[in-house]
Amino acid sequence: LVTSAIPVPDGFAVRIIPKPLNKGYI
């Protein structure tokens, strides 16, 4: 998703949303 070790703080979540113009599956 990213190439550097960016921390996600405790209590936070990462939402992954497919781009609206995608033609297939993620």
PDB file of all heavy atoms in Angstrom:
ATOM      1  N   LEU A   1       0.835  -1.199   0.000  1.00  0.00           N
ATOM      2  CA  LEU A   1       0.000   0.000   0.000  1.00  0.00           C
ATOM      3  C   LEU A   1       0.871   1.251   0.000  1.00  0.00           C
ATOM      4  O   LEU A   1       0.611   2.203  -0.724  1.00  0.00           O
ATOM      5  CB  LEU A   1      -0.933  -0.018   1.217  1.00  0.00           C
ATOM      6  CG  LEU A   1      -1.968   1.079   1.303  1.00  0.00           C
ATOM      7  CD1 LEU A   1      -2.953   1.024   0.146  1.00  0.00           C
ATOM      8  CD2 LEU A   1      -2.710   0.999   2.629  1.00  0.00           C
ATOM      9  N   VAL A   2       1.910   1.254   0.811  1.00  0.00           N
ATOM     10  CA  VAL A   2       2.942   2.295   0.832  1.00  0.00           C
ATOM     11  C   VAL A   2       4.284   1.592   0.982  1.00  0.00           C
ATOM     12  O   VAL A   2       4.347   0.465   1.459  1.00  0.00           O
ATOM     13  CB  VAL A   2       2.742   3.328   1.977  1.00  0.00           C
ATOM     14  CG1 VAL A   2       1.433   4.071   1.827  1.00  0.00           C
ATOM     15  CG2 VAL A   2       2.836   2.671   3.336  1.00  0.00           C
ATOM     16  N   THR A   3       5.362   2.249   0.614  1.00  0.00           N
ATOM     17  CA  THR A   3       6.670   1.593   0.664  1.00  0.00           C
ATOM     18  C   THR A   3       7.482   1.937   1.906  1.00  0.00           C
ATOM     19  O   THR A   3       8.549   1.378   2.111  1.00  0.00           O
ATOM     20  CB  THR A   3       7.496   1.939  -0.588  1.00  0.00           C
ATOM     21  OG1 THR A   3       7.603   3.358  -0.695  1.00  0.00           O
ATOM     22  CG2 THR A   3       6.845   1.373  -1.845  1.00  0.00           C
ATOM     23  N   SER A   4       6.991   2.842   2.735  1.00  0.00           N
ATOM     24  CA  SER A   4       7.710   3.156   3.971  1.00  0.00           C
ATOM     25  C   SER A   4       6.897   2.679   5.172  1.00  0.00           C
ATOM     26  O   SER A   4       5.681   2.522   5.092  1.00  0.00           O
ATOM     27  CB  SER A   4       7.989   4.660   4.075  1.00  0.00           C
ATOM     28  OG  SER A   4       6.789   5.395   3.996  1.00  0.00           O
ATOM     29  N   ALA A   5       7.572   2.462   6.282  1.00  0.00           N
ATOM     30  CA  ALA A   5       6.940   1.917   7.487  1.00  0.00           C
ATOM     31  C   ALA A   5       6.193   3.021   8.244  1.00  0.00           C
ATOM     32  O   ALA A   5       6.620   3.464   9.304  1.00  0.00           O
ATOM     33  CB  ALA A   5       7.982   1.257   8.375  1.00  0.00           C
ATOM     34  N   ILE A   6       5.073   3.469   7.700  1.00  0.00           N
ATOM     35  CA  ILE A   6       4.272   4.507   8.354  1.00  0.00           C
ATOM     36  C   ILE A   6       3.411   3.842   9.424  1.00  0.00           C
ATOM     37  O   ILE A   6       2.587   2.976   9.121  1.00  0.00           O
ATOM     38  CB  ILE A   6       3.384   5.244   7.336  1.00  0.00           C
ATOM     39  CG1 ILE A   6       4.252   5.928   6.282  1.00  0.00           C
ATOM     40  CG2 ILE A   6       2.469   6.242   8.041  1.00  0.00           C
ATOM     41  CD1 ILE A   6       3.484   6.501   5.115  1.00  0.00           C
ATOM     42  N   PRO A   7       3.582   4.208  10.695  1.00  0.00           N
ATOM     43  CA  PRO A   7       2.815   3.567  11.760  1.00  0.00           C
ATOM     44  C   PRO A   7       1.346   3.983  11.737  1.00  0.00           C
ATOM     45  O   PRO A   7       1.001   5.095  11.338  1.00  0.00           O
ATOM     46  CB  PRO A   7       3.494   4.044  13.041  1.00  0.00           C
ATOM     47  CG  PRO A   7       4.204   5.292  12.666  1.00  0.00           C
ATOM     48  CD  PRO A   7       4.525   5.202  11.218  1.00  0.00           C
ATOM     49  N   VAL A   8       0.502   3.054  12.161  1.00  0.00           N
ATOM     50  CA  VAL A   8      -0.917   3.325  12.372  1.00  0.00           C
ATOM     51  C   VAL A   8      -1.115   3.319  13.878  1.00  0.00           C
ATOM     52  O   VAL A   8      -0.882   2.303  14.533  1.00  0.00           O
ATOM     53  CB  VAL A   8      -1.811   2.256  11.707  1.00  0.00           C
ATOM     54  CG1 VAL A   8      -3.276   2.513  12.016  1.00  0.00           C
ATOM     55  CG2 VAL A   8      -1.570   2.222  10.205  1.00  0.00           C
ATOM     56  N   PRO A   9      -1.521   4.438  14.457  1.00  0.00           N
ATOM     57  CA  PRO A   9      -1.653   4.517  15.911  1.00  0.00           C
ATOM     58  C   PRO A   9      -2.686   3.535  16.466  1.00  0.00           C
ATOM     59  O   PRO A   9      -3.643   3.170  15.773  1.00  0.00           O
ATOM     60  CB  PRO A   9      -2.108   5.965  16.154  1.00  0.00           C
ATOM     61  CG  PRO A   9      -1.742   6.711  14.925  1.00  0.00           C
ATOM     62  CD  PRO A   9      -1.831   5.721  13.811  1.00  0.00           C
ATOM     63  N   ASP A  10      -2.499   3.134  17.703  1.00  0.00           N
ATOM     64  CA  ASP A  10      -3.491   2.294  18.383  1.00  0.00           C
ATOM     65  C   ASP A  10      -4.844   2.978  18.337  1.00  0.00           C
ATOM     66  O   ASP A  10      -4.948   4.198  18.514  1.00  0.00           O
ATOM     67  CB  ASP A  10      -3.094   2.055  19.847  1.00  0.00           C
ATOM     68  CG  ASP A  10      -1.928   1.102  19.992  1.00  0.00           C
ATOM     69  OD1 ASP A  10      -1.634   0.362  19.019  1.00  0.00           O
ATOM     70  OD2 ASP A  10      -1.306   1.084  21.057  1.00  0.00           O
ATOM     71  N   GLY A  11      -5.873   2.192  18.111  1.00  0.00           N
ATOM     72  CA  GLY A  11      -7.221   2.728  18.064  1.00  0.00           C
ATOM     73  C   GLY A  11      -7.623   3.255  16.694  1.00  0.00           C
ATOM     74  O   GLY A  11      -8.756   3.686  16.503  1.00  0.00           O
ATOM     75  N   PHE A  12      -6.704   3.230  15.721  1.00  0.00           N
ATOM     76  CA  PHE A  12      -7.006   3.692  14.370  1.00  0.00           C
ATOM     77  C   PHE A  12      -7.102   2.489  13.431  1.00  0.00           C
ATOM     78  O   PHE A  12      -6.488   1.462  13.667  1.00  0.00           O
ATOM     79  CB  PHE A  12      -5.912   4.628  13.857  1.00  0.00           C
ATOM     80  CG  PHE A  12      -5.962   6.006  14.420  1.00  0.00           C
ATOM     81  CD1 PHE A  12      -5.643   6.238  15.758  1.00  0.00           C
ATOM     82  CD2 PHE A  12      -6.307   7.086  13.630  1.00  0.00           C
ATOM     83  CE1 PHE A  12      -5.673   7.521  16.282  1.00  0.00           C
ATOM     84  CE2 PHE A  12      -6.347   8.378  14.148  1.00  0.00           C
ATOM     85  CZ  PHE A  12      -6.029   8.589  15.483  1.00  0.00           C
ATOM     86  N   ALA A  13      -7.889   2.627  12.372  1.00  0.00           N
ATOM     87  CA  ALA A  13      -8.035   1.580  11.361  1.00  0.00           C
ATOM     88  C   ALA A  13      -7.706   2.170   9.991  1.00  0.00           C
ATOM     89  O   ALA A  13      -7.828   3.373   9.776  1.00  0.00           O
ATOM     90  CB  ALA A  13      -9.448   1.028  11.366  1.00  0.00           C
ATOM     91  N   VAL A  14      -7.324   1.301   9.072  1.00  0.00           N
ATOM     92  CA  VAL A  14      -7.070   1.694   7.691  1.00  0.00           C
ATOM     93  C   VAL A  14      -8.281   1.246   6.864  1.00  0.00           C
ATOM     94  O   VAL A  14      -8.577   0.052   6.794  1.00  0.00           O
ATOM     95  CB  VAL A  14      -5.798   1.031   7.127  1.00  0.00           C
ATOM     96  CG1 VAL A  14      -5.567   1.459   5.690  1.00  0.00           C
ATOM     97  CG2 VAL A  14      -4.601   1.343   7.996  1.00  0.00           C
ATOM     98  N   ARG A  15      -8.973   2.202   6.276  1.00  0.00           N
ATOM     99  CA  ARG A  15     -10.083   1.885   5.365  1.00  0.00           C
ATOM    100  C   ARG A  15      -9.533   1.815   3.953  1.00  0.00           C
ATOM    101  O   ARG A  15      -8.853   2.719   3.496  1.00  0.00           O
ATOM    102  CB  ARG A  15     -11.175   2.955   5.432  1.00  0.00           C
ATOM    103  CG  ARG A  15     -11.991   2.876   6.689  1.00  0.00           C
ATOM    104  CD  ARG A  15     -13.042   3.956   6.803  1.00  0.00           C
ATOM    105  NE  ARG A  15     -13.897   4.035   5.631  1.00  0.00           N
ATOM    106  CZ  ARG A  15     -14.567   5.133   5.300  1.00  0.00           C
ATOM    107  NH1 ARG A  15     -14.481   6.230   6.026  1.00  0.00           N
ATOM    108  NH2 ARG A  15     -15.344   5.141   4.237  1.00  0.00           N
ATOM    109  N   ILE A  16      -9.841   0.711   3.268  1.00  0.00           N
ATOM    110  CA  ILE A  16      -9.416   0.493   1.895  1.00  0.00           C
ATOM    111  C   ILE A  16     -10.671   0.561   1.020  1.00  0.00           C
ATOM    112  O   ILE A  16     -11.615  -0.201   1.214  1.00  0.00           O
ATOM    113  CB  ILE A  16      -8.738  -0.886   1.716  1.00  0.00           C
ATOM    114  CG1 ILE A  16      -7.599  -1.087   2.727  1.00  0.00           C
ATOM    115  CG2 ILE A  16      -8.285  -1.081   0.281  1.00  0.00           C
ATOM    116  CD1 ILE A  16      -6.398  -0.236   2.503  1.00  0.00           C
ATOM    117  N   ILE A  17     -10.645   1.471   0.038  1.00  0.00           N
ATOM    118  CA  ILE A  17     -11.817   1.722  -0.795  1.00  0.00           C
ATOM    119  C   ILE A  17     -11.401   1.612  -2.266  1.00  0.00           C
ATOM    120  O   ILE A  17     -10.535   2.378  -2.721  1.00  0.00           O
ATOM    121  CB  ILE A  17     -12.373   3.133  -0.520  1.00  0.00           C
ATOM    122  CG1 ILE A  17     -12.633   3.310   0.973  1.00  0.00           C
ATOM    123  CG2 ILE A  17     -13.621   3.402  -1.350  1.00  0.00           C
ATOM    124  CD1 ILE A  17     -12.701   4.755   1.419  1.00  0.00           C
ATOM    125  N   PRO A  18     -11.977   0.670  -3.028  1.00  0.00           N
ATOM    126  CA  PRO A  18     -11.642   0.579  -4.449  1.00  0.00           C
ATOM    127  C   PRO A  18     -11.987   1.884  -5.181  1.00  0.00           C
ATOM    128  O   PRO A  18     -12.990   2.531  -4.882  1.00  0.00           O
ATOM    129  CB  PRO A  18     -12.512  -0.572  -4.964  1.00  0.00           C
ATOM    130  CG  PRO A  18     -12.761  -1.407  -3.743  1.00  0.00           C
ATOM    131  CD  PRO A  18     -12.881  -0.411  -2.622  1.00  0.00           C
ATOM    132  N   LYS A  19     -11.148   2.274  -6.136  1.00  0.00           N
ATOM    133  CA  LYS A  19     -11.380   3.481  -6.929  1.00  0.00           C
ATOM    134  C   LYS A  19     -12.684   3.325  -7.724  1.00  0.00           C
ATOM    135  O   LYS A  19     -12.986   2.237  -8.219  1.00  0.00           O
ATOM    136  CB  LYS A  19     -10.217   3.728  -7.881  1.00  0.00           C
ATOM    137  CG  LYS A  19      -8.858   3.811  -7.219  1.00  0.00           C
ATOM    138  CD  LYS A  19      -8.587   5.101  -6.553  1.00  0.00           C
ATOM    139  CE  LYS A  19      -8.245   6.123  -7.607  1.00  0.00           C
ATOM    140  NZ  LYS A  19      -8.157   7.447  -7.062  1.00  0.00           N
ATOM    141  N   PRO A  20     -13.470   4.387  -7.855  1.00  0.00           N
ATOM    142  CA  PRO A  20     -14.779   4.292  -8.505  1.00  0.00           C
ATOM    143  C   PRO A  20     -14.753   3.899  -9.978  1.00  0.00           C
ATOM    144  O   PRO A  20     -15.734   3.376 -10.486  1.00  0.00           O
ATOM    145  CB  PRO A  20     -15.378   5.692  -8.335  1.00  0.00           C
ATOM    146  CG  PRO A  20     -14.302   6.559  -7.823  1.00  0.00           C
ATOM    147  CD  PRO A  20     -13.194   5.713  -7.322  1.00  0.00           C
ATOM    148  N   LEU A  21     -13.642   4.096 -10.677  1.00  0.00           N
ATOM    149  CA  LEU A  21     -13.565   3.729 -12.092  1.00  0.00           C
ATOM    150  C   LEU A  21     -12.896   2.372 -12.339  1.00  0.00           C
ATOM    151  O   LEU A  21     -12.647   2.007 -13.495  1.00  0.00           O
ATOM    152  CB  LEU A  21     -12.836   4.829 -12.882  1.00  0.00           C
ATOM    153  CG  LEU A  21     -13.528   6.197 -12.863  1.00  0.00           C
ATOM    154  CD1 LEU A  21     -12.714   7.219 -13.639  1.00  0.00           C
ATOM    155  CD2 LEU A  21     -14.952   6.113 -13.394  1.00  0.00           C
ATOM    156  N   ASN A  22     -12.625   1.615 -11.266  1.00  0.00           N
ATOM    157  CA  ASN A  22     -12.047   0.274 -11.429  1.00  0.00           C
ATOM    158  C   ASN A  22     -12.946  -0.584 -12.307  1.00  0.00           C
ATOM    159  O   ASN A  22     -14.176  -0.472 -12.269  1.00  0.00           O
ATOM    160  CB  ASN A  22     -11.879  -0.418 -10.072  1.00  0.00           C
ATOM    161  CG  ASN A  22     -10.700   0.084  -9.284  1.00  0.00           C
ATOM    162  OD1 ASN A  22      -9.938   0.927  -9.731  1.00  0.00           O
ATOM    163  ND2 ASN A  22     -10.547  -0.436  -8.081  1.00  0.00           N
ATOM    164  N   LYS A  23     -12.323  -1.478 -13.054  1.00  0.00           N
ATOM    165  CA  LYS A  23     -13.063  -2.414 -13.919  1.00  0.00           C
ATOM    166  C   LYS A  23     -13.091  -3.835 -13.351  1.00  0.00           C
ATOM    167  O   LYS A  23     -13.843  -4.669 -13.821  1.00  0.00           O
ATOM    168  CB  LYS A  23     -12.438  -2.453 -15.308  1.00  0.00           C
ATOM    169  CG  LYS A  23     -12.374  -1.110 -15.993  1.00  0.00           C
ATOM    170  CD  LYS A  23     -13.754  -0.618 -16.338  1.00  0.00           C
ATOM    171  CE  LYS A  23     -13.643   0.703 -17.087  1.00  0.00           C
ATOM    172  NZ  LYS A  23     -14.788   1.548 -16.915  1.00  0.00           N
ATOM    173  N   GLY A  24     -12.245  -4.105 -12.367  1.00  0.00           N
ATOM    174  CA  GLY A  24     -12.155  -5.462 -11.816  1.00  0.00           C
ATOM    175  C   GLY A  24     -12.196  -5.466 -10.303  1.00  0.00           C
ATOM    176  O   GLY A  24     -12.776  -4.573  -9.683  1.00  0.00           O
ATOM    177  N   TYR A  25     -11.560  -6.479  -9.709  1.00  0.00           N
ATOM    178  CA  TYR A  25     -11.554  -6.662  -8.261  1.00  0.00           C
ATOM    179  C   TYR A  25     -10.208  -6.275  -7.667  1.00  0.00           C
ATOM    180  O   TYR A  25      -9.167  -6.391  -8.322  1.00  0.00           O
ATOM    181  CB  TYR A  25     -11.837  -8.127  -7.901  1.00  0.00           C
ATOM    182  CG  TYR A  25     -13.246  -8.538  -8.225  1.00  0.00           C
ATOM    183  CD1 TYR A  25     -13.533  -9.237  -9.388  1.00  0.00           C
ATOM    184  CD2 TYR A  25     -14.289  -8.224  -7.364  1.00  0.00           C
ATOM    185  CE1 TYR A  25     -14.831  -9.620  -9.693  1.00  0.00           C
ATOM    186  CE2 TYR A  25     -15.587  -8.600  -7.656  1.00  0.00           C
ATOM    187  CZ  TYR A  25     -15.850  -9.295  -8.824  1.00  0.00           C
ATOM    188  OH  TYR A  25     -17.130  -9.655  -9.113  1.00  0.00           O
ATOM    189  N   ILE A  26     -10.243  -5.869  -6.411  1.00  0.00           N
ATOM    190  CA  ILE A  26      -9.047  -5.578  -5.626  1.00  0.00           C
ATOM    191  C   ILE A  26      -8.873  -6.692  -4.605  1.00  0.00           C
ATOM    192  O   ILE A  26      -9.827  -7.084  -3.937  1.00  0.00           O
ATOM    193  CB  ILE A  26      -9.184  -4.224  -4.886  1.00  0.00           C
ATOM    194  CG1 ILE A  26      -9.265  -3.075  -5.882  1.00  0.00           C
ATOM    195  CG2 ILE A  26      -8.058  -4.032  -3.878  1.00  0.00           C
ATOM    196  CD1 ILE A  26      -8.010  -2.846  -6.718  1.00  0.00           C
TER     197      ILE A  26
END
